[in-house]
PDB file of all heavy atoms in Angstrom:
ATOM      1  N   SER A   1     -25.801  16.287 -18.399  1.00  0.00           N
ATOM      2  CA  SER A   1     -24.349  16.504 -18.405  1.00  0.00           C
ATOM      3  C   SER A   1     -23.861  17.269 -17.178  1.00  0.00           C
ATOM      4  O   SER A   1     -22.677  17.230 -16.857  1.00  0.00           O
ATOM      5  CB  SER A   1     -23.921  17.235 -19.681  1.00  0.00           C
ATOM      6  OG  SER A   1     -24.467  18.542 -19.699  1.00  0.00           O
ATOM      7  N   LYS A   2     -24.763  17.926 -16.468  1.00  0.00           N
ATOM      8  CA  LYS A   2     -24.385  18.690 -15.275  1.00  0.00           C
ATOM      9  C   LYS A   2     -24.652  17.946 -13.970  1.00  0.00           C
ATOM     10  O   LYS A   2     -24.342  18.448 -12.903  1.00  0.00           O
ATOM     11  CB  LYS A   2     -25.108  20.029 -15.279  1.00  0.00           C
ATOM     12  CG  LYS A   2     -24.671  20.905 -16.439  1.00  0.00           C
ATOM     13  CD  LYS A   2     -25.304  22.248 -16.402  1.00  0.00           C
ATOM     14  CE  LYS A   2     -24.799  23.055 -17.607  1.00  0.00           C
ATOM     15  NZ  LYS A   2     -25.446  24.326 -17.738  1.00  0.00           N
ATOM     16  N   TRP A   3     -25.213  16.744 -14.041  1.00  0.00           N
ATOM     17  CA  TRP A   3     -25.540  16.000 -12.830  1.00  0.00           C
ATOM     18  C   TRP A   3     -24.294  15.608 -12.043  1.00  0.00           C
ATOM     19  O   TRP A   3     -24.340  15.528 -10.829  1.00  0.00           O
ATOM     20  CB  TRP A   3     -26.364  14.767 -13.169  1.00  0.00           C
ATOM     21  CG  TRP A   3     -27.815  15.058 -13.373  1.00  0.00           C
ATOM     22  CD1 TRP A   3     -28.376  16.216 -13.809  1.00  0.00           C
ATOM     23  CD2 TRP A   3     -28.898  14.155 -13.155  1.00  0.00           C
ATOM     24  NE1 TRP A   3     -29.732  16.086 -13.888  1.00  0.00           N
ATOM     25  CE2 TRP A   3     -30.076  14.833 -13.493  1.00  0.00           C
ATOM     26  CE3 TRP A   3     -28.971  12.837 -12.730  1.00  0.00           C
ATOM     27  CZ2 TRP A   3     -31.332  14.245 -13.393  1.00  0.00           C
ATOM     28  CZ3 TRP A   3     -30.221  12.251 -12.635  1.00  0.00           C
ATOM     29  CH2 TRP A   3     -31.383  12.941 -12.962  1.00  0.00           C
ATOM     30  N   GLY A   4     -23.176  15.377 -12.703  1.00  0.00           N
ATOM     31  CA  GLY A   4     -21.953  14.995 -12.014  1.00  0.00           C
ATOM     32  C   GLY A   4     -21.480  16.051 -11.034  1.00  0.00           C
ATOM     33  O   GLY A   4     -20.906  15.737  -9.989  1.00  0.00           O
ATOM     34  N   GLY A   5     -21.726  17.311 -11.327  1.00  0.00           N
ATOM     35  CA  GLY A   5     -21.334  18.392 -10.437  1.00  0.00           C
ATOM     36  C   GLY A   5     -22.209  18.490  -9.196  1.00  0.00           C
ATOM     37  O   GLY A   5     -21.807  19.052  -8.187  1.00  0.00           O
ATOM     38  N   ILE A   6     -23.403  17.945  -9.250  1.00  0.00           N
ATOM     39  CA  ILE A   6     -24.324  17.992  -8.119  1.00  0.00           C
ATOM     40  C   ILE A   6     -24.176  16.758  -7.243  1.00  0.00           C
ATOM     41  O   ILE A   6     -24.209  16.843  -6.022  1.00  0.00           O
ATOM     42  CB  ILE A   6     -25.783  18.091  -8.626  1.00  0.00           C
ATOM     43  CG1 ILE A   6     -25.987  19.399  -9.393  1.00  0.00           C
ATOM     44  CG2 ILE A   6     -26.771  17.973  -7.484  1.00  0.00           C
ATOM     45  CD1 ILE A   6     -25.761  20.656  -8.577  1.00  0.00           C
ATOM     46  N   PHE A   7     -24.023  15.603  -7.873  1.00  0.00           N
ATOM     47  CA  PHE A   7     -23.917  14.362  -7.128  1.00  0.00           C
ATOM     48  C   PHE A   7     -22.474  14.127  -6.683  1.00  0.00           C
ATOM     49  O   PHE A   7     -21.577  14.860  -7.053  1.00  0.00           O
ATOM     50  CB  PHE A   7     -24.447  13.200  -7.965  1.00  0.00           C
ATOM     51  CG  PHE A   7     -25.909  13.352  -8.275  1.00  0.00           C
ATOM     52  CD1 PHE A   7     -26.334  13.723  -9.526  1.00  0.00           C
ATOM     53  CD2 PHE A   7     -26.863  13.157  -7.283  1.00  0.00           C
ATOM     54  CE1 PHE A   7     -27.676  13.894  -9.809  1.00  0.00           C
ATOM     55  CE2 PHE A   7     -28.200  13.331  -7.550  1.00  0.00           C
ATOM     56  CZ  PHE A   7     -28.621  13.698  -8.814  1.00  0.00           C
ATOM     57  N   THR A   8     -22.272  13.102  -5.888  1.00  0.00           N
ATOM     58  CA  THR A   8     -20.960  12.836  -5.312  1.00  0.00           C
ATOM     59  C   THR A   8     -19.873  12.756  -6.368  1.00  0.00           C
ATOM     60  O   THR A   8     -18.784  13.270  -6.184  1.00  0.00           O
ATOM     61  CB  THR A   8     -20.989  11.529  -4.497  1.00  0.00           C
ATOM     62  OG1 THR A   8     -22.072  11.617  -3.567  1.00  0.00           O
ATOM     63  CG2 THR A   8     -19.709  11.313  -3.759  1.00  0.00           C
ATOM     64  N   ASP A   9     -20.181  12.103  -7.492  1.00  0.00           N
ATOM     65  CA  ASP A   9     -19.190  11.991  -8.565  1.00  0.00           C
ATOM     66  C   ASP A   9     -19.883  11.703  -9.887  1.00  0.00           C
ATOM     67  O   ASP A   9     -21.069  11.403  -9.933  1.00  0.00           O
ATOM     68  CB  ASP A   9     -18.146  10.918  -8.246  1.00  0.00           C
ATOM     69  CG  ASP A   9     -18.744   9.546  -8.025  1.00  0.00           C
ATOM     70  OD1 ASP A   9     -19.663   9.143  -8.777  1.00  0.00           O
ATOM     71  OD2 ASP A   9     -18.292   8.859  -7.098  1.00  0.00           O
ATOM     72  N   ASP A  10     -19.102  11.810 -10.954  1.00  0.00           N
ATOM     73  CA  ASP A  10     -19.651  11.581 -12.288  1.00  0.00           C
ATOM     74  C   ASP A  10     -20.157  10.153 -12.474  1.00  0.00           C
ATOM     75  O   ASP A  10     -21.147   9.922 -13.155  1.00  0.00           O
ATOM     76  CB  ASP A  10     -18.593  11.891 -13.357  1.00  0.00           C
ATOM     77  CG  ASP A  10     -18.315  13.377 -13.482  1.00  0.00           C
ATOM     78  OD1 ASP A  10     -19.183  14.185 -13.082  1.00  0.00           O
ATOM     79  OD2 ASP A  10     -17.230  13.727 -13.984  1.00  0.00           O
ATOM     80  N   GLN A  11     -19.477   9.187 -11.867  1.00  0.00           N
ATOM     81  CA  GLN A  11     -19.869   7.780 -12.014  1.00  0.00           C
ATOM     82  C   GLN A  11     -21.241   7.520 -11.389  1.00  0.00           C
ATOM     83  O   GLN A  11     -22.069   6.834 -11.961  1.00  0.00           O
ATOM     84  CB  GLN A  11     -18.821   6.853 -11.389  1.00  0.00           C
ATOM     85  CG  GLN A  11     -19.110   5.376 -11.608  1.00  0.00           C
ATOM     86  CD  GLN A  11     -19.158   5.001 -13.080  1.00  0.00           C
ATOM     87  OE1 GLN A  11     -18.332   5.456 -13.859  1.00  0.00           O
ATOM     88  NE2 GLN A  11     -20.116   4.195 -13.470  1.00  0.00           N
ATOM     89  N   MET A  12     -21.487   8.088 -10.198  1.00  0.00           N
ATOM     90  CA  MET A  12     -22.792   7.901  -9.569  1.00  0.00           C
ATOM     91  C   MET A  12     -23.878   8.571 -10.403  1.00  0.00           C
ATOM     92  O   MET A  12     -24.951   8.009 -10.600  1.00  0.00           O
ATOM     93  CB  MET A  12     -22.822   8.453  -8.145  1.00  0.00           C
ATOM     94  CG  MET A  12     -24.179   8.194  -7.494  1.00  0.00           C
ATOM     95  SD  MET A  12     -24.340   8.488  -5.744  1.00  0.00           S
ATOM     96  CE  MET A  12     -23.750  10.120  -5.537  1.00  0.00           C
ATOM     97  N   ALA A  13     -23.603   9.750 -10.912  1.00  0.00           N
ATOM     98  CA  ALA A  13     -24.575  10.440 -11.757  1.00  0.00           C
ATOM     99  C   ALA A  13     -24.862   9.623 -13.013  1.00  0.00           C
ATOM    100  O   ALA A  13     -26.024   9.463 -13.402  1.00  0.00           O
ATOM    101  CB  ALA A  13     -24.059  11.827 -12.129  1.00  0.00           C
ATOM    102  N   ALA A  14     -23.834   9.082 -13.636  1.00  0.00           N
ATOM    103  CA  ALA A  14     -24.007   8.263 -14.848  1.00  0.00           C
ATOM    104  C   ALA A  14     -24.829   7.011 -14.551  1.00  0.00           C
ATOM    105  O   ALA A  14     -25.680   6.613 -15.355  1.00  0.00           O
ATOM    106  CB  ALA A  14     -22.648   7.882 -15.428  1.00  0.00           C
ATOM    107  N   THR A  15     -24.598   6.405 -13.403  1.00  0.00           N
ATOM    108  CA  THR A  15     -25.355   5.208 -13.013  1.00  0.00           C
ATOM    109  C   THR A  15     -26.826   5.554 -12.817  1.00  0.00           C
ATOM    110  O   THR A  15     -27.715   4.825 -13.267  1.00  0.00           O
ATOM    111  CB  THR A  15     -24.770   4.597 -11.723  1.00  0.00           C
ATOM    112  OG1 THR A  15     -23.401   4.272 -11.958  1.00  0.00           O
ATOM    113  CG2 THR A  15     -25.525   3.354 -11.307  1.00  0.00           C
ATOM    114  N   MET A  16     -27.110   6.667 -12.151  1.00  0.00           N
ATOM    115  CA  MET A  16     -28.502   7.084 -11.947  1.00  0.00           C
ATOM    116  C   MET A  16     -29.189   7.376 -13.272  1.00  0.00           C
ATOM    117  O   MET A  16     -30.314   6.942 -13.508  1.00  0.00           O
ATOM    118  CB  MET A  16     -28.563   8.310 -11.044  1.00  0.00           C
ATOM    119  CG  MET A  16     -28.359   7.987  -9.591  1.00  0.00           C
ATOM    120  SD  MET A  16     -28.832   9.328  -8.498  1.00  0.00           S
ATOM    121  CE  MET A  16     -27.446  10.415  -8.690  1.00  0.00           C
ATOM    122  N   ILE A  17     -28.510   8.109 -14.126  1.00  0.00           N
ATOM    123  CA  ILE A  17     -29.077   8.452 -15.433  1.00  0.00           C
ATOM    124  C   ILE A  17     -29.359   7.192 -16.233  1.00  0.00           C
ATOM    125  O   ILE A  17     -30.421   7.049 -16.841  1.00  0.00           O
ATOM    126  CB  ILE A  17     -28.145   9.410 -16.194  1.00  0.00           C
ATOM    127  CG1 ILE A  17     -28.088  10.762 -15.478  1.00  0.00           C
ATOM    128  CG2 ILE A  17     -28.585   9.566 -17.643  1.00  0.00           C
ATOM    129  CD1 ILE A  17     -26.948  11.656 -15.928  1.00  0.00           C
ATOM    130  N   ASP A  18     -28.422   6.246 -16.217  1.00  0.00           N
ATOM    131  CA  ASP A  18     -28.592   4.992 -16.935  1.00  0.00           C
ATOM    132  C   ASP A  18     -29.844   4.254 -16.462  1.00  0.00           C
ATOM    133  O   ASP A  18     -30.634   3.775 -17.264  1.00  0.00           O
ATOM    134  CB  ASP A  18     -27.351   4.121 -16.732  1.00  0.00           C
ATOM    135  CG  ASP A  18     -27.447   2.811 -17.477  1.00  0.00           C
ATOM    136  OD1 ASP A  18     -27.498   2.844 -18.728  1.00  0.00           O
ATOM    137  OD2 ASP A  18     -27.500   1.757 -16.810  1.00  0.00           O
ATOM    138  N   ARG A  19     -30.048   4.174 -15.166  1.00  0.00           N
ATOM    139  CA  ARG A  19     -31.206   3.466 -14.614  1.00  0.00           C
ATOM    140  C   ARG A  19     -32.504   4.208 -14.881  1.00  0.00           C
ATOM    141  O   ARG A  19     -33.549   3.594 -15.044  1.00  0.00           O
ATOM    142  CB  ARG A  19     -31.003   3.230 -13.123  1.00  0.00           C
ATOM    143  CG  ARG A  19     -29.922   2.201 -12.898  1.00  0.00           C
ATOM    144  CD  ARG A  19     -29.678   1.907 -11.461  1.00  0.00           C
ATOM    145  NE  ARG A  19     -28.648   0.865 -11.384  1.00  0.00           N
ATOM    146  CZ  ARG A  19     -27.913   0.640 -10.328  1.00  0.00           C
ATOM    147  NH1 ARG A  19     -28.082   1.352  -9.238  1.00  0.00           N
ATOM    148  NH2 ARG A  19     -27.007  -0.311 -10.338  1.00  0.00           N
ATOM    149  N   LEU A  20     -32.448   5.518 -14.930  1.00  0.00           N
ATOM    150  CA  LEU A  20     -33.657   6.296 -15.190  1.00  0.00           C
ATOM    151  C   LEU A  20     -34.110   6.207 -16.644  1.00  0.00           C
ATOM    152  O   LEU A  20     -35.291   6.056 -16.926  1.00  0.00           O
ATOM    153  CB  LEU A  20     -33.431   7.766 -14.830  1.00  0.00           C
ATOM    154  CG  LEU A  20     -33.401   8.098 -13.356  1.00  0.00           C
ATOM    155  CD1 LEU A  20     -32.901   9.519 -13.154  1.00  0.00           C
ATOM    156  CD2 LEU A  20     -34.779   7.921 -12.742  1.00  0.00           C
ATOM    157  N   VAL A  21     -33.176   6.314 -17.562  1.00  0.00           N
ATOM    158  CA  VAL A  21     -33.565   6.387 -18.975  1.00  0.00           C
ATOM    159  C   VAL A  21     -33.759   5.031 -19.635  1.00  0.00           C
ATOM    160  O   VAL A  21     -34.397   4.949 -20.683  1.00  0.00           O
ATOM    161  CB  VAL A  21     -32.576   7.241 -19.799  1.00  0.00           C
ATOM    162  CG1 VAL A  21     -32.499   8.649 -19.264  1.00  0.00           C
ATOM    163  CG2 VAL A  21     -31.205   6.616 -19.862  1.00  0.00           C
ATOM    164  N   TYR A  22     -33.253   3.959 -19.037  1.00  0.00           N
ATOM    165  CA  TYR A  22     -33.374   2.638 -19.663  1.00  0.00           C
ATOM    166  C   TYR A  22     -34.829   2.269 -19.892  1.00  0.00           C
ATOM    167  O   TYR A  22     -35.194   1.794 -20.956  1.00  0.00           O
ATOM    168  CB  TYR A  22     -32.675   1.581 -18.808  1.00  0.00           C
ATOM    169  CG  TYR A  22     -32.721   0.210 -19.435  1.00  0.00           C
ATOM    170  CD1 TYR A  22     -32.053  -0.049 -20.631  1.00  0.00           C
ATOM    171  CD2 TYR A  22     -33.451  -0.815 -18.860  1.00  0.00           C
ATOM    172  CE1 TYR A  22     -32.100  -1.302 -21.225  1.00  0.00           C
ATOM    173  CE2 TYR A  22     -33.504  -2.071 -19.441  1.00  0.00           C
ATOM    174  CZ  TYR A  22     -32.825  -2.308 -20.621  1.00  0.00           C
ATOM    175  OH  TYR A  22     -32.887  -3.544 -21.210  1.00  0.00           O
ATOM    176  N   HIS A  23     -35.679   2.469 -18.921  1.00  0.00           N
ATOM    177  CA  HIS A  23     -37.117   2.220 -19.051  1.00  0.00           C
ATOM    178  C   HIS A  23     -37.877   3.523 -18.850  1.00  0.00           C
ATOM    179  O   HIS A  23     -38.839   3.577 -18.106  1.00  0.00           O
ATOM    180  CB  HIS A  23     -37.602   1.212 -18.001  1.00  0.00           C
ATOM    181  CG  HIS A  23     -37.068  -0.155 -18.170  1.00  0.00           C
ATOM    182  ND1 HIS A  23     -37.368  -0.952 -19.247  1.00  0.00           N
ATOM    183  CD2 HIS A  23     -36.237  -0.891 -17.398  1.00  0.00           C
ATOM    184  CE1 HIS A  23     -36.759  -2.115 -19.123  1.00  0.00           C
ATOM    185  NE2 HIS A  23     -36.051  -2.096 -18.009  1.00  0.00           N
ATOM    186  N   GLY A  24     -37.431   4.588 -19.484  1.00  0.00           N
ATOM    187  CA  GLY A  24     -38.041   5.874 -19.202  1.00  0.00           C
ATOM    188  C   GLY A  24     -38.253   6.743 -20.421  1.00  0.00           C
ATOM    189  O   GLY A  24     -37.888   6.394 -21.538  1.00  0.00           O
ATOM    190  N   HIS A  25     -38.861   7.866 -20.168  1.00  0.00           N
ATOM    191  CA  HIS A  25     -39.123   8.891 -21.177  1.00  0.00           C
ATOM    192  C   HIS A  25     -38.607  10.215 -20.639  1.00  0.00           C
ATOM    193  O   HIS A  25     -38.723  10.502 -19.454  1.00  0.00           O
ATOM    194  CB  HIS A  25     -40.623   9.033 -21.447  1.00  0.00           C
ATOM    195  CG  HIS A  25     -41.263   7.773 -21.933  1.00  0.00           C
ATOM    196  ND1 HIS A  25     -41.065   7.272 -23.199  1.00  0.00           N
ATOM    197  CD2 HIS A  25     -42.081   6.903 -21.302  1.00  0.00           C
ATOM    198  CE1 HIS A  25     -41.754   6.141 -23.336  1.00  0.00           C
ATOM    199  NE2 HIS A  25     -42.377   5.904 -22.194  1.00  0.00           N
TER     200      HIS A  25
END
């Protein structure tokens, strides 16, 4: 939930999180 504050924007953070957790642990 705090990644949006570190990355360029909330949308980019959400996209990264989505790609990481889809096939992840």
